[in-house]
Amino acid sequence: METSLLRVDGWEARLFKFVDASRARPFVWGENDCFSFACGSIQALTGVDRWSEWKGRYSSPEEAWRLISRYADVRSPDRKATFIAGAEKFFQCISSSVKFARRGDVVAYPEDPKWPALGISLGEQSALLTTSGIRFLRTVDCQICWRVG
């Protein structure tokens, strides 16, 4: 799968402005959560709005899971594999090892055994939006990344 998203001029400044603005917003499933955070970063990098398709369509991690799993071409008993496949198709981004993560790529961290937290690689550190706010951790501690543009 090749990505159909391209980074636009000025993406770095827009990305850091987006992350900074996200610090003040409370976590709410389906409104301001890790999935909307990942979609917002994609919009900052590419100008493509992926969030409008999902905004307000779920209010729990279980409902979000059902939506993303619909995008997976192959359903697997392995929730992680289904999530990765569904996210790759939805984000229109190739999944890769975090060893290859670049600034702006979407990352997943195993915050909870059932629901990974999504975030944004900022280089050596990644920003993740969790139920307790933005958390920064080493990018190499994430499970996977999706290469944006």
C-alpha atoms as a PDB file:
ATOM      1  CA  MET A   1       0.000   0.000   0.000  1.00  0.00           C
ATOM      2  CA  GLU A   2       1.353   3.388  -0.900  1.00  0.00           C
ATOM      3  CA  THR A   3       0.375   6.467   1.001  1.00  0.00           C
ATOM      4  CA  SER A   4      -1.810   8.928  -0.830  1.00  0.00           C
ATOM      5  CA  LEU A   5      -1.034  11.708   1.640  1.00  0.00           C
ATOM      6  CA  LEU A   6       1.706  14.248   1.040  1.00  0.00           C
ATOM      7  CA  ARG A   7       3.240  16.604   3.573  1.00  0.00           C
ATOM      8  CA  VAL A   8       2.693  20.238   2.681  1.00  0.00           C
ATOM      9  CA  ASP A   9       4.999  23.203   3.170  1.00  0.00           C
ATOM     10  CA  GLY A  10       5.053  24.457   6.742  1.00  0.00           C
ATOM     11  CA  TRP A  11       3.917  21.148   8.261  1.00  0.00           C
ATOM     12  CA  GLU A  12       6.453  21.268  11.098  1.00  0.00           C
ATOM     13  CA  ALA A  13       5.217  24.577  12.485  1.00  0.00           C
ATOM     14  CA  ARG A  14       1.578  23.473  12.155  1.00  0.00           C
ATOM     15  CA  LEU A  15       2.335  20.155  13.874  1.00  0.00           C
ATOM     16  CA  PHE A  16       3.973  21.762  16.902  1.00  0.00           C
ATOM     17  CA  LYS A  17       1.208  24.374  17.124  1.00  0.00           C
ATOM     18  CA  PHE A  18      -1.382  21.550  17.028  1.00  0.00           C
ATOM     19  CA  VAL A  19       0.372  19.567  19.796  1.00  0.00           C
ATOM     20  CA  ASP A  20       0.720  22.669  21.955  1.00  0.00           C
ATOM     21  CA  ALA A  21      -2.967  23.602  21.513  1.00  0.00           C
ATOM     22  CA  SER A  22      -4.001  20.036  22.380  1.00  0.00           C
ATOM     23  CA  ARG A  23      -2.524  20.295  25.876  1.00  0.00           C
ATOM     24  CA  ALA A  24      -5.402  22.447  27.114  1.00  0.00           C
ATOM     25  CA  ARG A  25      -8.272  20.320  25.823  1.00  0.00           C
ATOM     26  CA  PRO A  26      -9.775  17.652  28.120  1.00  0.00           C
ATOM     27  CA  PHE A  27      -9.919  14.033  26.962  1.00  0.00           C
ATOM     28  CA  VAL A  28     -13.411  13.015  25.789  1.00  0.00           C
ATOM     29  CA  TRP A  29     -14.058   9.823  23.788  1.00  0.00           C
ATOM     30  CA  GLY A  30     -15.274  10.668  20.290  1.00  0.00           C
ATOM     31  CA  GLU A  31     -14.436  14.356  20.628  1.00  0.00           C
ATOM     32  CA  ASN A  32     -10.878  14.775  21.881  1.00  0.00           C
ATOM     33  CA  ASP A  33      -9.131  11.449  22.272  1.00  0.00           C
ATOM     34  CA  CYS A  34      -6.039   9.737  20.923  1.00  0.00           C
ATOM     35  CA  PHE A  35      -7.746   8.977  17.612  1.00  0.00           C
ATOM     36  CA  SER A  36      -8.778  12.592  17.033  1.00  0.00           C
ATOM     37  CA  PHE A  37      -5.239  13.568  18.076  1.00  0.00           C
ATOM     38  CA  ALA A  38      -3.749  11.307  15.383  1.00  0.00           C
ATOM     39  CA  CYS A  39      -6.209  12.630  12.790  1.00  0.00           C
ATOM     40  CA  GLY A  40      -5.412  16.221  13.787  1.00  0.00           C
ATOM     41  CA  SER A  41      -1.720  15.577  13.300  1.00  0.00           C
ATOM     42  CA  ILE A  42      -2.379  14.137   9.839  1.00  0.00           C
ATOM     43  CA  GLN A  43      -4.344  17.264   8.983  1.00  0.00           C
ATOM     44  CA  ALA A  44      -1.504  19.474  10.264  1.00  0.00           C
ATOM     45  CA  LEU A  45       0.973  17.621   8.041  1.00  0.00           C
ATOM     46  CA  THR A  46      -1.108  17.122   4.905  1.00  0.00           C
ATOM     47  CA  GLY A  47      -4.178  19.356   5.057  1.00  0.00           C
ATOM     48  CA  VAL A  48      -6.376  16.229   4.776  1.00  0.00           C
ATOM     49  CA  ASP A  49      -9.193  15.999   7.337  1.00  0.00           C
ATOM     50  CA  ARG A  50      -9.728  12.351   8.372  1.00  0.00           C
ATOM     51  CA  TRP A  51     -11.453  13.225  11.667  1.00  0.00           C
ATOM     52  CA  SER A  52     -14.736  14.613  10.284  1.00  0.00           C
ATOM     53  CA  GLU A  53     -15.735  11.082   9.272  1.00  0.00           C
ATOM     54  CA  TRP A  54     -15.566   9.924  12.915  1.00  0.00           C
ATOM     55  CA  LYS A  55     -16.306  12.969  15.061  1.00  0.00           C
ATOM     56  CA  GLY A  56     -19.110  12.210  17.498  1.00  0.00           C
ATOM     57  CA  ARG A  57     -19.692   8.656  16.201  1.00  0.00           C
ATOM     58  CA  TYR A  58     -18.437   6.919  19.347  1.00  0.00           C
ATOM     59  CA  SER A  59     -18.253   7.557  23.065  1.00  0.00           C
ATOM     60  CA  SER A  60     -16.169   4.642  24.356  1.00  0.00           C
ATOM     61  CA  PRO A  61     -13.075   2.662  23.351  1.00  0.00           C
ATOM     62  CA  GLU A  62     -15.294  -0.307  22.435  1.00  0.00           C
ATOM     63  CA  GLU A  63     -17.309   1.798  19.974  1.00  0.00           C
ATOM     64  CA  ALA A  64     -14.085   3.240  18.493  1.00  0.00           C
ATOM     65  CA  TRP A  65     -12.770  -0.323  18.102  1.00  0.00           C
ATOM     66  CA  ARG A  66     -15.862  -1.371  16.157  1.00  0.00           C
ATOM     67  CA  LEU A  67     -15.409   1.555  13.770  1.00  0.00           C
ATOM     68  CA  ILE A  68     -11.701   1.001  13.105  1.00  0.00           C
ATOM     69  CA  SER A  69     -12.110  -2.764  12.755  1.00  0.00           C
ATOM     70  CA  ARG A  70     -14.533  -2.169   9.866  1.00  0.00           C
ATOM     71  CA  TYR A  71     -11.605  -0.801   7.889  1.00  0.00           C
ATOM     72  CA  ALA A  72      -9.520  -3.953   8.318  1.00  0.00           C
ATOM     73  CA  ASP A  73      -9.501  -6.092   5.179  1.00  0.00           C
ATOM     74  CA  VAL A  74      -8.911  -9.182   7.278  1.00  0.00           C
ATOM     75  CA  ARG A  75     -10.455  -9.713  10.689  1.00  0.00           C
ATOM     76  CA  SER A  76      -8.153 -11.535  13.047  1.00  0.00           C
ATOM     77  CA  PRO A  77      -8.614 -12.882  16.563  1.00  0.00           C
ATOM     78  CA  ASP A  78      -5.467 -10.836  17.203  1.00  0.00           C
ATOM     79  CA  ARG A  79      -6.912  -7.416  18.081  1.00  0.00           C
ATOM     80  CA  LYS A  80      -3.566  -5.726  17.479  1.00  0.00           C
ATOM     81  CA  ALA A  81      -3.337  -7.063  13.899  1.00  0.00           C
ATOM     82  CA  THR A  82      -6.913  -5.997  13.153  1.00  0.00           C
ATOM     83  CA  PHE A  83      -6.282  -2.553  14.629  1.00  0.00           C
ATOM     84  CA  ILE A  84      -3.074  -2.069  12.636  1.00  0.00           C
ATOM     85  CA  ALA A  85      -4.743  -3.130   9.373  1.00  0.00           C
ATOM     86  CA  GLY A  86      -7.788  -0.950   9.970  1.00  0.00           C
ATOM     87  CA  ALA A  87      -5.722   2.074  10.983  1.00  0.00           C
ATOM     88  CA  GLU A  88      -3.431   1.674   7.967  1.00  0.00           C
ATOM     89  CA  LYS A  89      -6.385   1.755   5.611  1.00  0.00           C
ATOM     90  CA  PHE A  90      -8.190   4.585   7.446  1.00  0.00           C
ATOM     91  CA  PHE A  91      -5.115   6.787   7.855  1.00  0.00           C
ATOM     92  CA  GLN A  92      -4.030   5.988   4.278  1.00  0.00           C
ATOM     93  CA  CYS A  93      -0.547   5.449   5.702  1.00  0.00           C
ATOM     94  CA  ILE A  94       1.837   2.518   5.615  1.00  0.00           C
ATOM     95  CA  SER A  95       2.570   0.886   8.969  1.00  0.00           C
ATOM     96  CA  SER A  96       6.206   0.403   9.897  1.00  0.00           C
ATOM     97  CA  SER A  97       8.514  -0.366  12.774  1.00  0.00           C
ATOM     98  CA  VAL A  98       9.057   2.556  15.138  1.00  0.00           C
ATOM     99  CA  LYS A  99      12.752   2.270  14.266  1.00  0.00           C
ATOM    100  CA  PHE A 100      11.763   4.128  11.090  1.00  0.00           C
ATOM    101  CA  ALA A 101       9.440   6.703  12.680  1.00  0.00           C
ATOM    102  CA  ARG A 102       9.906  10.268  11.501  1.00  0.00           C
ATOM    103  CA  ARG A 103       8.627  13.489  13.038  1.00  0.00           C
ATOM    104  CA  GLY A 104       4.918  13.680  12.336  1.00  0.00           C
ATOM    105  CA  ASP A 105       4.293   9.964  11.930  1.00  0.00           C
ATOM    106  CA  VAL A 106       1.419   8.466  13.946  1.00  0.00           C
ATOM    107  CA  VAL A 107       2.556   6.011  16.631  1.00  0.00           C
ATOM    108  CA  ALA A 108       0.809   3.494  18.898  1.00  0.00           C
ATOM    109  CA  TYR A 109       1.780   2.784  22.486  1.00  0.00           C
ATOM    110  CA  PRO A 110       0.435  -0.180  24.519  1.00  0.00           C
ATOM    111  CA  GLU A 111      -1.191   2.041  27.174  1.00  0.00           C
ATOM    112  CA  ASP A 112      -3.828  -0.617  27.859  1.00  0.00           C
ATOM    113  CA  PRO A 113      -3.703  -4.305  26.808  1.00  0.00           C
ATOM    114  CA  LYS A 114      -6.910  -3.920  24.766  1.00  0.00           C
ATOM    115  CA  TRP A 115      -6.652  -0.344  23.479  1.00  0.00           C
ATOM    116  CA  PRO A 116      -3.397   1.182  22.265  1.00  0.00           C
ATOM    117  CA  ALA A 117      -2.938   4.903  22.751  1.00  0.00           C
ATOM    118  CA  LEU A 118      -2.206   6.785  19.544  1.00  0.00           C
ATOM    119  CA  GLY A 119       0.244   9.621  19.380  1.00  0.00           C
ATOM    120  CA  ILE A 120       2.612  11.575  17.213  1.00  0.00           C
ATOM    121  CA  SER A 121       6.334  11.083  16.790  1.00  0.00           C
ATOM    122  CA  LEU A 122       8.215  14.295  17.487  1.00  0.00           C
ATOM    123  CA  GLY A 123      11.576  12.647  16.869  1.00  0.00           C
ATOM    124  CA  GLU A 124      13.150  10.870  19.838  1.00  0.00           C
ATOM    125  CA  GLN A 125      10.020  11.638  21.867  1.00  0.00           C
ATOM    126  CA  SER A 126       6.391  11.024  20.988  1.00  0.00           C
ATOM    127  CA  ALA A 127       3.327  12.849  22.285  1.00  0.00           C
ATOM    128  CA  LEU A 128       0.371  10.653  23.216  1.00  0.00           C
ATOM    129  CA  LEU A 129      -3.057  11.873  24.197  1.00  0.00           C
ATOM    130  CA  THR A 130      -4.227   9.731  27.122  1.00  0.00           C
ATOM    131  CA  THR A 131      -7.191   9.988  29.476  1.00  0.00           C
ATOM    132  CA  SER A 132      -4.924  11.954  31.837  1.00  0.00           C
ATOM    133  CA  GLY A 133      -3.697  14.374  29.158  1.00  0.00           C
ATOM    134  CA  ILE A 134      -0.708  14.622  26.859  1.00  0.00           C
ATOM    135  CA  ARG A 135       2.098  12.309  27.819  1.00  0.00           C
ATOM    136  CA  PHE A 136       5.582  12.298  26.314  1.00  0.00           C
ATOM    137  CA  LEU A 137       7.625   9.126  26.032  1.00  0.00           C
ATOM    138  CA  ARG A 138      10.448   7.715  23.986  1.00  0.00           C
ATOM    139  CA  THR A 139       9.384   6.889  20.441  1.00  0.00           C
ATOM    140  CA  VAL A 140      11.317   3.598  20.577  1.00  0.00           C
ATOM    141  CA  ASP A 141       8.965   2.466  23.385  1.00  0.00           C
ATOM    142  CA  CYS A 142       5.993   2.615  20.997  1.00  0.00           C
ATOM    143  CA  GLN A 143       4.797  -0.522  19.165  1.00  0.00           C
ATOM    144  CA  ILE A 144       4.357   0.674  15.608  1.00  0.00           C
ATOM    145  CA  CYS A 145       4.132   3.770  13.469  1.00  0.00           C
ATOM    146  CA  TRP A 146       2.151   4.832  10.435  1.00  0.00           C
ATOM    147  CA  ARG A 147       4.251   6.792   7.949  1.00  0.00           C
ATOM    148  CA  VAL A 148       2.442  10.022   7.149  1.00  0.00           C
ATOM    149  CA  GLY A 149       3.386  11.440   3.766  1.00  0.00           C
END
